[in-house]
């Protein structure tokens, strides 16, 4: 296996890794939205906690979902050299 083939394989694996974690986080978001819509208003959550959870979700999405995709793109571009 040449270095270019190795980089291409690594890029594909990073894409799969990022997609798995990104889709898992999106599924979690969907689950939270479904639970939030199905629960009565008596169990409402304050705006502060919604803002905190949104910030945490965005940070997790950046680290776990998008960072592996950026790394995969880097490996893919390096494979063309």
Protein backbone atom coordinates (compact mmCIF):
# COMPACT_ATOMS: atom_id res chain seq x y z
CA UNK A 1 0.00 0.00 0.00
CA UNK A 2 1.46 3.34 -1.02
CA UNK A 3 1.35 6.45 1.14
CA UNK A 4 -1.36 7.98 -1.08
CA UNK A 5 -3.58 4.91 -0.75
CA UNK A 6 -2.99 4.89 3.00
CA UNK A 7 -4.02 8.56 3.27
CA UNK A 8 -7.12 7.91 1.18
CA UNK A 9 -8.09 5.00 3.44
CA UNK A 10 -7.51 7.10 6.56
CA UNK A 11 -9.66 9.89 5.09
CA UNK A 12 -12.50 7.46 4.46
CA UNK A 13 -12.26 6.09 8.00
CA UNK A 14 -12.30 9.62 9.47
CA UNK A 15 -15.39 10.46 7.36
CA UNK A 16 -17.17 7.38 8.68
CA UNK A 17 -16.11 8.14 12.25
CA UNK A 18 -17.36 11.73 12.03
CA UNK A 19 -20.61 10.70 10.38
CA UNK A 20 -21.35 8.09 13.04
CA UNK A 21 -20.87 10.52 15.89
CA UNK A 22 -22.56 13.42 14.12
CA UNK A 23 -25.62 11.34 13.29
CA UNK A 24 -25.72 10.04 16.87
CA UNK A 25 -25.79 13.60 18.17
CA UNK A 26 -28.53 14.53 15.70
CA UNK A 27 -30.53 11.51 16.85
CA UNK A 28 -30.08 12.64 20.45
CA UNK A 29 -31.32 16.10 19.53
CA UNK A 30 -34.35 14.59 17.82
CA UNK A 31 -35.06 12.44 20.88
CA UNK A 32 -34.85 15.49 23.15
CA UNK A 33 -37.20 17.45 20.92
CA UNK A 34 -39.73 14.62 20.83
CA UNK A 35 -39.65 14.25 24.61
CA UNK A 36 -39.92 18.02 25.07
CA UNK A 37 -42.95 18.21 22.78
CA UNK A 38 -44.69 15.21 24.32
CA UNK A 39 -44.27 16.21 27.98
CA UNK A 40 -46.88 18.49 29.49
CA UNK A 41 -46.13 22.13 30.21
CA UNK A 42 -46.07 21.46 33.95
CA UNK A 43 -42.52 20.12 33.59
CA UNK A 44 -41.14 23.10 31.72
CA UNK A 45 -37.44 23.87 31.75
CA UNK A 46 -36.16 27.40 32.30
CA UNK A 47 -34.59 29.31 29.44
CA UNK A 48 -31.22 29.29 31.20
CA UNK A 49 -30.95 25.49 31.08
CA UNK A 50 -32.09 25.39 27.47
CA UNK A 51 -29.36 27.90 26.56
CA UNK A 52 -26.71 25.92 28.46
CA UNK A 53 -27.74 22.64 26.85
CA UNK A 54 -27.73 24.27 23.39
CA UNK A 55 -24.20 25.56 23.93
CA UNK A 56 -23.05 22.12 25.11
CA UNK A 57 -24.70 20.46 22.12
CA UNK A 58 -23.03 22.85 19.66
CA UNK A 59 -19.62 22.33 21.27
CA UNK A 60 -20.05 18.53 21.15
CA UNK A 61 -21.17 18.72 17.53
CA UNK A 62 -18.08 20.75 16.62
CA UNK A 63 -15.65 18.48 18.45
CA UNK A 64 -17.16 15.06 17.82
CA UNK A 65 -19.01 15.59 14.55
CA UNK A 66 -17.17 18.17 12.48
CA UNK A 67 -13.55 17.81 13.58
CA UNK A 68 -13.20 14.25 12.18
CA UNK A 69 -14.68 15.48 8.88
CA UNK A 70 -12.09 18.27 8.71
CA UNK A 71 -9.33 15.76 9.43
CA UNK A 72 -10.72 13.49 6.69
CA UNK A 73 -10.65 16.35 4.20
CA UNK A 74 -7.04 17.03 5.17
CA UNK A 75 -6.07 13.42 4.54
CA UNK A 76 -7.99 13.41 1.25
CA UNK A 77 -6.19 16.54 0.01
CA UNK A 78 -2.85 15.16 1.12
CA UNK A 79 -3.53 11.99 -0.92
CA UNK A 80 -3.53 14.02 -4.14
CA UNK A 81 0.00 15.38 -3.69
